[in-house]
Protein backbone atom coordinates (compact mmCIF):
# COMPACT_ATOMS: atom_id res chain seq x y z
CA MET A 1 97.14 33.38 147.98
CA MET A 2 99.82 35.53 146.38
CA ILE A 3 99.60 39.31 146.73
CA LEU A 4 100.39 41.40 143.64
CA ASP A 5 99.24 44.76 144.97
CA ASN A 6 102.13 46.70 143.41
CA PHE A 7 101.36 45.58 139.86
CA SER A 8 99.80 47.99 137.36
CA ASP A 9 97.03 46.80 135.02
CA LYS A 10 99.64 46.34 132.31
CA LEU A 11 101.73 44.08 134.55
CA LYS A 12 98.66 42.13 135.64
CA ILE A 13 97.83 41.44 131.98
CA ALA A 14 101.42 40.31 131.44
CA TYR A 15 101.41 38.13 134.55
CA ALA A 16 98.07 36.49 133.70
CA ASP A 17 99.43 35.60 130.26
CA ILE A 18 102.63 34.19 131.77
CA LEU A 19 100.70 32.10 134.31
CA GLU A 20 98.43 30.55 131.69
CA ALA A 21 101.35 29.90 129.34
CA MET A 22 103.34 28.14 132.05
CA ILE A 23 100.70 25.67 133.13
CA CYS A 24 102.71 23.05 131.22
CA GLN A 25 99.99 20.41 131.17
CA ASN A 26 97.52 18.94 128.72
CA THR A 27 94.43 21.09 129.14
CA ARG A 28 90.76 20.94 128.20
CA GLU A 29 88.97 24.27 127.71
CA GLU A 30 85.37 25.09 128.62
CA LYS A 31 83.56 28.40 127.98
CA ASP A 32 80.30 29.95 129.19
CA PHE A 33 78.48 32.85 127.53
CA ASP A 34 75.87 35.30 128.83
CA GLU A 35 72.54 36.26 127.24
CA GLN A 36 74.31 38.77 124.99
CA GLU A 37 76.65 36.00 123.81
CA ARG A 38 79.60 37.57 125.58
CA LEU A 39 82.20 35.34 127.18
CA SER A 40 81.30 35.13 130.86
CA GLU A 41 83.66 32.41 132.06
CA ARG A 42 86.53 30.37 130.67
CA ARG A 43 88.10 27.38 132.42
CA LEU A 44 91.09 25.14 131.79
CA TYR A 45 91.12 21.60 133.16
CA ASN A 46 93.75 18.93 133.50
CA GLY A 47 91.62 15.81 133.57
CA LYS A 48 88.81 16.65 136.03
CA ARG A 49 90.91 19.18 137.92
CA ILE A 50 90.48 22.89 137.22
CA ILE A 51 93.80 24.73 136.93
CA PHE A 52 92.94 28.13 135.41
CA ARG A 53 89.78 30.25 135.42
CA GLU A 54 88.63 33.56 133.89
CA ILE A 55 85.48 35.30 135.12
CA TYR A 56 84.12 38.40 133.34
CA ASP A 57 82.16 41.00 135.32
CA TYR A 58 80.68 43.33 132.68
CA LYS A 59 78.73 45.43 135.20
CA ARG A 60 81.96 46.52 136.87
CA ASN A 61 84.07 46.10 133.72
CA TYR A 62 86.56 43.76 135.41
CA VAL A 63 87.98 40.36 134.61
CA HIS A 64 89.16 37.94 137.32
CA LYS A 65 91.92 35.47 136.46
CA LYS A 66 92.68 32.69 138.92
CA LEU A 67 95.29 29.95 139.06
CA TYR A 68 94.57 26.61 140.77
CA PRO A 69 97.74 24.57 140.22
CA TYR A 70 96.78 21.81 142.69
CA GLY A 71 93.18 22.38 143.64
CA GLN A 72 93.68 25.56 145.67
CA GLU A 73 93.61 29.14 144.49
CA ILE A 74 97.21 30.44 144.42
CA VAL A 75 96.88 33.63 142.34
CA HIS A 76 93.89 35.96 141.82
CA LEU A 77 94.33 38.88 139.41
CA ILE A 78 91.70 41.59 138.83
CA TYR A 79 91.96 44.25 136.13
CA PRO A 80 89.72 46.12 133.64
CA ILE A 81 88.35 44.31 130.60
CA TYR A 82 90.26 45.28 127.46
CA THR A 83 89.59 44.42 123.85
CA GLU A 84 91.99 41.90 122.40
CA GLN A 85 93.68 44.58 120.31
CA ALA A 86 94.06 46.98 123.26
CA GLN A 87 95.49 44.19 125.37
CA ARG A 88 98.01 43.26 122.66
CA GLU A 89 99.16 46.87 122.50
CA LEU A 90 99.97 46.67 126.20
CA TYR A 91 101.59 43.22 126.16
CA LEU A 92 102.17 40.67 123.40
CA PRO A 93 101.45 37.05 124.47
CA ILE A 94 104.65 35.37 125.52
CA LYS A 95 104.06 32.14 123.57
CA GLU A 96 103.64 34.19 120.43
CA ARG A 97 106.86 36.10 121.07
CA ILE A 98 108.87 32.93 121.68
CA LEU A 99 107.64 31.31 118.48
CA ALA A 100 108.38 34.51 116.57
CA LEU A 101 111.99 34.29 117.77
CA GLY A 102 112.30 31.06 115.78
CA PHE A 103 112.66 28.48 118.56
CA GLN A 104 111.46 24.96 117.84
CA PRO A 105 108.85 23.94 120.45
CA GLU A 106 110.16 20.38 120.82
CA ALA A 107 113.68 21.71 121.59
CA ILE A 108 112.63 23.94 124.50
CA THR A 109 113.45 22.41 127.90
CA LYS A 110 112.87 25.39 130.21
CA ILE A 111 111.43 28.90 130.09
CA THR A 112 111.88 31.48 132.83
CA VAL A 113 110.33 34.94 133.13
CA ARG A 114 111.33 37.52 135.73
CA LEU A 115 109.27 40.68 136.22
CA LYS A 116 110.40 43.63 138.35
CA ASN A 117 108.35 46.78 138.86
CA TYR A 118 109.45 50.12 140.26
CA ASN A 119 107.95 53.23 141.82
CA GLU A 120 108.41 56.77 140.52
CA LYS A 121 111.74 57.01 142.41
CA GLY A 122 113.09 53.96 140.61
CA GLN A 123 112.93 51.81 143.75
CA LYS A 124 112.08 48.15 143.31
CA LEU A 125 108.63 47.31 144.69
CA GLN A 126 107.94 43.76 143.63
CA GLU A 127 109.66 40.92 141.81
CA THR A 128 108.19 37.71 140.38
CA TYR A 129 109.93 34.62 139.05
CA ASN A 130 108.10 32.03 136.96
CA TRP A 131 109.45 28.96 135.24
CA CYS A 132 108.24 25.87 133.42
CA LYS A 133 109.75 22.95 131.53
CA GLY A 134 108.68 24.18 128.11
CA PHE A 135 105.36 25.63 127.01
CA PHE A 136 104.65 22.83 124.61
CA ALA A 137 105.63 19.76 126.61
CA GLU A 138 102.90 17.18 127.22
CA ARG A 139 103.85 17.05 130.86
CA GLY A 140 106.02 19.40 132.83
CA SER A 141 106.56 21.35 136.00
CA MET A 142 106.15 24.97 136.94
CA GLY A 143 107.24 27.23 139.76
CA ILE A 144 106.25 30.67 141.01
CA ASP A 145 108.03 33.08 143.34
CA ASN A 146 106.78 36.49 144.44
CA ILE A 147 108.96 38.91 146.46
CA ARG A 148 107.93 42.30 147.82
CA TYR A 149 110.18 45.12 149.05
CA ASP A 150 109.63 47.95 151.51
CA ASP A 151 110.69 51.55 150.83
CA ARG A 152 114.17 50.78 152.22
CA GLN A 153 114.56 47.88 149.74
CA ASN A 154 114.29 45.20 152.42
CA ILE A 155 112.49 41.99 151.49
CA TYR A 156 109.46 41.78 153.76
CA SER A 157 107.34 39.21 151.94
CA SER A 158 108.24 36.05 150.02
CA GLU A 159 105.73 33.62 148.52
CA GLY A 160 106.27 30.58 146.35
CA PHE A 161 104.74 27.54 144.74
CA ASN A 162 106.43 24.51 143.21
CA ALA A 163 104.26 22.18 141.15
CA TYR A 164 106.90 19.43 141.13
CA TRP A 165 106.63 19.06 144.91
CA ASN A 166 103.02 20.27 144.94
CA GLU A 167 103.80 22.66 147.76
CA LYS A 168 103.41 26.34 148.53
CA ARG A 169 105.13 28.59 151.05
CA ASN A 170 104.58 32.05 152.47
CA ILE A 171 106.94 34.18 154.56
CA LEU A 172 106.04 37.61 155.98
CA ARG A 173 108.55 39.75 157.90
CA THR A 174 108.26 42.85 160.09
CA ILE A 175 111.48 44.84 159.67
CA ASP A 176 112.77 47.79 161.69
CA LEU A 177 114.47 50.94 160.35
CA ASN A 178 117.88 49.24 160.54
CA GLY A 179 116.81 46.33 158.35
CA ARG A 180 116.61 43.84 161.22
CA THR A 181 113.84 41.27 161.28
CA LEU A 182 111.57 41.69 164.31
CA ILE A 183 108.86 39.15 163.47
CA GLU A 184 108.83 36.41 160.82
CA GLN A 185 105.67 34.46 160.05
CA SER A 186 105.81 31.43 157.76
CA SER A 187 103.66 28.63 156.45
CA TRP A 188 104.05 25.56 154.27
CA ASP A 189 101.02 24.15 152.44
CA ALA A 190 98.65 26.09 154.67
CA ASP A 191 96.38 29.08 154.16
CA ALA A 192 97.28 30.62 157.54
CA PHE A 193 100.69 31.15 159.11
CA ASN A 194 101.65 28.18 161.27
CA THR A 195 105.05 29.33 162.56
CA VAL A 196 105.97 32.68 164.14
CA GLU A 197 109.50 33.74 165.12
CA VAL A 198 110.02 36.84 167.29
CA TYR A 199 113.49 38.40 167.50
CA HIS A 200 114.84 40.49 170.41
CA TYR A 201 118.01 42.59 170.21
CA ASP A 202 120.22 44.20 172.85
CA ASP A 203 121.18 47.89 173.01
CA ASP A 204 124.11 47.22 170.66
CA LYS A 205 121.73 45.77 168.03
CA ASN A 206 122.97 42.18 168.54
CA LEU A 207 120.47 39.33 168.45
CA GLU A 208 119.69 38.39 172.06
CA ARG A 209 116.72 36.02 171.94
CA LYS A 210 114.54 34.22 169.40
CA ILE A 211 111.12 32.86 170.36
CA ILE A 212 109.53 30.28 168.05
CA SER A 213 105.81 29.48 168.24
CA ASN A 214 103.31 27.37 166.35
CA ARG A 215 99.54 27.10 166.67
CA GLU A 216 99.88 25.18 169.92
CA GLY A 217 102.05 27.83 171.59
CA ILE A 218 105.75 28.51 172.20
CA THR A 219 107.93 25.60 171.05
CA ASN A 220 111.46 26.97 171.41
CA ILE A 221 113.30 29.82 173.13
CA ILE A 222 116.86 30.36 171.92
CA ASP A 223 119.16 32.75 173.79
CA TYR A 224 122.38 34.27 172.43
CA TYR A 225 124.95 35.24 175.09
CA LYS A 226 127.70 37.53 173.83
CA ARG A 227 131.06 37.16 175.58
CA LYS A 228 133.88 39.16 173.93
CA SER A 229 134.47 37.38 170.60
CA ARG A 230 132.15 34.43 171.27
CA VAL A 231 128.37 34.13 171.28
CA ARG A 232 126.99 31.10 173.10
CA ILE A 233 123.68 29.65 171.94
CA LYS A 234 121.32 28.03 174.45
CA LYS A 235 117.90 26.47 173.90
CA LEU A 236 115.51 26.93 176.80
CA ASN A 237 112.60 24.70 177.73
CA PRO A 238 109.43 26.89 177.30
CA LYS A 239 107.72 25.01 180.14
CA ASP A 240 110.73 25.37 182.43
CA PRO A 241 113.01 28.27 181.40
CA TYR A 242 115.63 27.25 183.99
CA LYS A 243 116.30 24.06 182.01
CA TYR A 244 118.36 24.52 178.88
CA LYS A 245 120.60 22.80 176.35
CA ARG A 246 123.82 24.27 175.04
CA GLU A 247 123.25 24.33 171.30
CA GLY A 248 126.65 25.67 170.31
CA TYR A 249 128.46 28.94 169.69
CA THR A 250 129.69 31.42 167.12
CA GLN A 251 133.10 33.05 167.45
CA THR A 252 135.07 35.71 165.61
CA ILE A 253 138.88 35.54 165.74
CA LYS A 254 141.23 38.12 164.26
CA LYS A 255 144.66 36.80 163.16
CA GLY A 256 146.93 39.06 161.16
CA ALA A 257 145.25 40.13 157.90
CA TYR A 258 142.44 37.56 158.24
CA THR A 259 139.27 37.25 160.28
CA TYR A 260 137.93 33.79 161.13
CA LYS A 261 134.25 33.26 161.88
CA VAL A 262 133.59 29.91 163.50
CA GLU A 263 130.19 28.32 164.11
CA ARG A 264 129.39 25.10 165.90
CA TYR A 265 125.84 24.19 166.78
CA TYR A 266 123.36 21.34 167.03
CA TYR A 267 120.16 21.25 165.04
CA GLY A 268 117.17 19.01 164.38
CA ASP A 269 116.50 17.15 167.61
CA SER A 270 119.64 18.73 169.10
CA THR A 271 121.81 15.72 168.26
CA ASP A 272 123.03 16.40 164.70
CA LEU A 273 126.05 18.70 164.58
CA ARG A 274 126.98 21.40 162.07
CA LYS A 275 130.37 23.13 161.91
CA SER A 276 131.31 26.05 159.69
CA LEU A 277 134.30 28.28 159.11
CA ILE A 278 134.38 31.54 157.14
CA VAL A 279 137.67 33.34 156.49
CA LEU A 280 137.67 37.01 155.46
CA ASP A 281 140.58 39.17 154.28
CA ASN A 282 141.35 42.69 155.51
CA GLU A 283 138.75 44.07 153.05
CA GLU A 284 136.11 41.77 154.62
CA ARG A 285 135.88 39.69 151.45
CA ILE A 286 135.26 35.96 151.87
CA VAL A 287 138.31 33.97 150.80
CA ARG A 288 137.44 30.55 152.22
CA GLU A 289 134.42 28.67 153.55
CA LYS A 290 134.01 25.22 155.03
CA LYS A 291 130.76 23.65 156.22
CA THR A 292 130.52 20.14 157.64
CA ASN A 293 127.50 18.19 158.89
CA TYR A 294 127.57 15.22 161.26
CA ILE A 295 125.08 12.68 162.55
CA THR A 296 125.51 11.92 166.23
CA LYS A 297 125.40 8.19 166.99
CA ARG A 298 124.71 7.03 170.53
CA LYS A 299 125.58 3.66 172.06
CA LYS A 300 126.46 2.13 175.40
CA ASN A 301 129.98 0.98 176.20
CA LYS A 302 130.93 -2.12 178.15
CA GLU A 303 130.35 -0.31 181.44
CA GLY A 304 126.82 0.60 180.34
CA LYS A 305 127.59 4.29 179.94
CA GLN A 306 126.12 6.28 177.08
CA THR A 307 128.73 7.34 174.53
CA PHE A 308 128.50 9.63 171.51
CA ARG A 309 130.26 9.59 168.18
CA ASN A 310 129.95 12.19 165.40
CA ILE A 311 129.90 10.70 161.91
CA LYS A 312 130.53 13.06 158.98
CA THR A 313 127.68 13.02 156.44
CA ASP A 314 128.69 15.79 154.03
CA GLU A 315 131.19 18.60 153.61
CA HIS A 316 131.32 21.74 151.47
CA ILE A 317 134.55 23.68 150.86
CA SER A 318 134.83 26.93 148.87
CA ARG A 319 137.73 29.19 147.86
CA TYR A 320 137.48 32.71 146.42
CA TYR A 321 140.18 34.61 144.52
CA TYR A 322 140.41 38.36 143.75
CA ASN A 323 142.59 40.55 141.56
CA GLU A 324 144.52 43.63 142.71
CA GLN A 325 141.44 45.80 142.19
CA GLY A 326 139.44 43.58 144.53
CA VAL A 327 137.28 42.07 141.77
CA LEU A 328 136.33 38.40 142.18
CA THR A 329 138.15 36.33 139.50
CA LYS A 330 137.58 32.70 140.49
CA GLU A 331 135.53 30.46 142.78
CA ILE A 332 136.18 26.80 143.55
CA HIS A 333 133.54 24.69 145.31
CA LEU A 334 134.00 21.08 146.42
CA SER A 335 131.13 19.07 147.94
CA THR A 336 131.10 15.52 149.25
CA ASP A 337 127.86 13.76 150.03
CA ARG A 338 126.48 10.81 148.07
CA SER A 339 128.75 12.04 145.29
CA ILE A 340 131.82 14.25 144.89
CA GLU A 341 131.04 17.48 143.11
CA LEU A 342 133.55 20.06 141.89
CA GLU A 343 132.51 23.45 140.51
CA VAL A 344 134.88 26.11 139.16
CA LEU A 345 133.61 29.60 138.24
CA LEU A 346 135.76 32.10 136.32
CA TYR A 347 135.09 35.86 136.07
CA ASN A 348 136.40 38.64 133.84
CA SER A 349 137.86 41.95 135.01
CA GLN A 350 134.34 43.45 135.27
CA GLY A 351 133.27 40.72 137.67
CA GLN A 352 131.07 38.94 135.11
CA LYS A 353 130.95 35.16 135.20
CA THR A 354 132.48 33.83 131.98
CA VAL A 355 133.02 30.08 132.51
CA ARG A 356 131.54 27.35 134.70
CA ILE A 357 133.18 23.93 134.89
CA TYR A 358 131.27 21.20 136.70
CA ARG A 359 132.31 17.63 137.46
CA SER A 360 130.48 14.98 139.45
CA LYS A 361 131.92 11.66 140.59
CA ASP A 362 130.36 8.84 142.54
CA LEU A 363 132.04 7.48 145.67
CA LYS A 364 133.99 5.02 143.48
CA GLN A 365 135.59 8.02 141.72
CA GLU A 366 133.79 7.30 138.43
CA VAL A 367 132.89 10.48 136.55
CA LYS A 368 129.11 10.81 136.18
CA CYS A 369 128.94 14.32 134.75
CA LEU A 370 131.48 16.69 133.19
CA GLU A 371 130.40 19.88 131.47
CA LYS A 372 131.60 23.36 130.66
CA THR A 373 129.32 26.40 130.32
CA VAL A 374 130.45 29.62 128.65
CA TYR A 375 128.69 32.96 129.29
CA THR A 376 128.41 35.76 126.71
CA TYR A 377 127.42 39.39 127.44
CA ASP A 378 126.33 42.40 125.39
CA ASP A 379 128.00 45.84 125.43
CA LYS A 380 125.72 46.88 128.33
CA GLY A 381 126.99 44.04 130.51
CA ARG A 382 123.78 41.99 130.25
CA LEU A 383 123.99 38.23 129.96
CA LEU A 384 122.97 37.10 126.45
CA LEU A 385 123.87 33.43 126.15
CA GLU A 386 124.85 30.43 128.28
CA SER A 387 126.27 27.65 126.12
CA SER A 388 127.14 24.09 127.12
CA PRO A 389 127.54 20.88 125.07
CA THR A 390 123.91 19.90 125.77
CA HIS A 391 122.00 23.17 126.22
CA LEU A 392 121.85 26.80 125.16
CA THR A 393 120.09 29.42 127.30
CA HIS A 394 119.16 32.64 125.51
CA HIS A 395 118.39 35.84 127.47
CA PHE A 396 116.07 38.63 126.31
CA TYR A 397 115.33 41.92 128.08
CA THR A 398 112.40 44.35 127.94
CA LEU A 399 112.84 47.66 129.76
CA ALA A 400 109.76 49.84 130.35
CA GLU A 401 109.19 52.93 132.48
CA ASP A 402 107.81 51.06 135.48
CA TYR A 403 109.00 47.47 135.01
CA ASP A 404 111.69 45.18 133.58
CA GLU A 405 111.17 41.76 132.00
CA HIS A 406 113.92 39.17 131.74
CA LEU A 407 113.07 36.16 129.55
CA GLU A 408 115.25 33.04 129.47
CA ILE A 409 114.76 30.24 126.94
CA THR A 410 116.75 27.02 127.28
CA ILE A 411 116.94 24.65 124.31
CA LYS A 412 118.55 21.27 123.76
CA THR A 413 121.54 21.18 121.44
CA GLU A 414 121.48 17.38 121.18
CA LEU A 415 118.16 16.18 119.78
């Protein structure tokens, strides 16, 4: 269940409204009333499945709002009971605000809301990200992300739910004073953590060992041996630490004005291979990246010996360009997998993205998608509009003393 302990009552009211608005499903409402004819419980169903619930506790003057996107409680908010007018003075319902902006419900294809709240020092405490495929669609999808920060602005908790995949995740980190992860606990579609990773560092703060455990015990021990510019990676057998597999290495090479960071390691069942290269300039800016994945095929030769062959499955190449002031001006990304994708990003002198060009071809070189997106900003440098031939995404900002809200509304331009 998601933890929203940094949210004020005002933000909890806002978040409850956003959650209910983003259910994106046909709903049936049921209400219960107490002996004084006060609303005691309100429920929303999709078919026979409950997806949202309000419970009013008048003795303690609290309301509980719960989200059950796929049968399990994901969010539980508790805050004082307010009159409708008092609640509206704190936060106007988001559906109402969107309709007041003049958007046609049938044209909306996606709505995103980001909330960030801060402490009295202006430090970010918590950040949520919610999206749905239109408030008024008969059927749709929704997603939730919740990120929490420590007092040094390190992310120590990340939770999420995706209704499209019907899955939830939870990651909790223990971080030291230098921002290094010491322990990471994670779970997928489970109420309790099912994977724990423990990190050990040497006296020079380099990663030395990672121990991975699940509910049955230690599953992997990975050691990192630093030798000058190269770090060798070995996977030990937890039941017999003297047996190991060489998983690969990382290496840093300095040549003239450039630094090359090379990685080569096996993953999965220790047969699939991944190679990567990162090139940095003398200002430690990335100028080039290349990542390639291979599947390792095994077969026996005529002599009966086992042979191996690496077959390339996909490749990703990126180039980055900067002006004399060191500001990023252009990115080019080329990916080959089941299709060939090219993405070009252009930036202005302030480092703001202004144009995105995207092209996708199938393996027969036939163009499947070609679009251009233009980005427009206000005089404060905030993104206002993303425009493409098929969609427009409008951005709206609300700045309060203790939180920020960023609302994005995407509409179709071809109906």
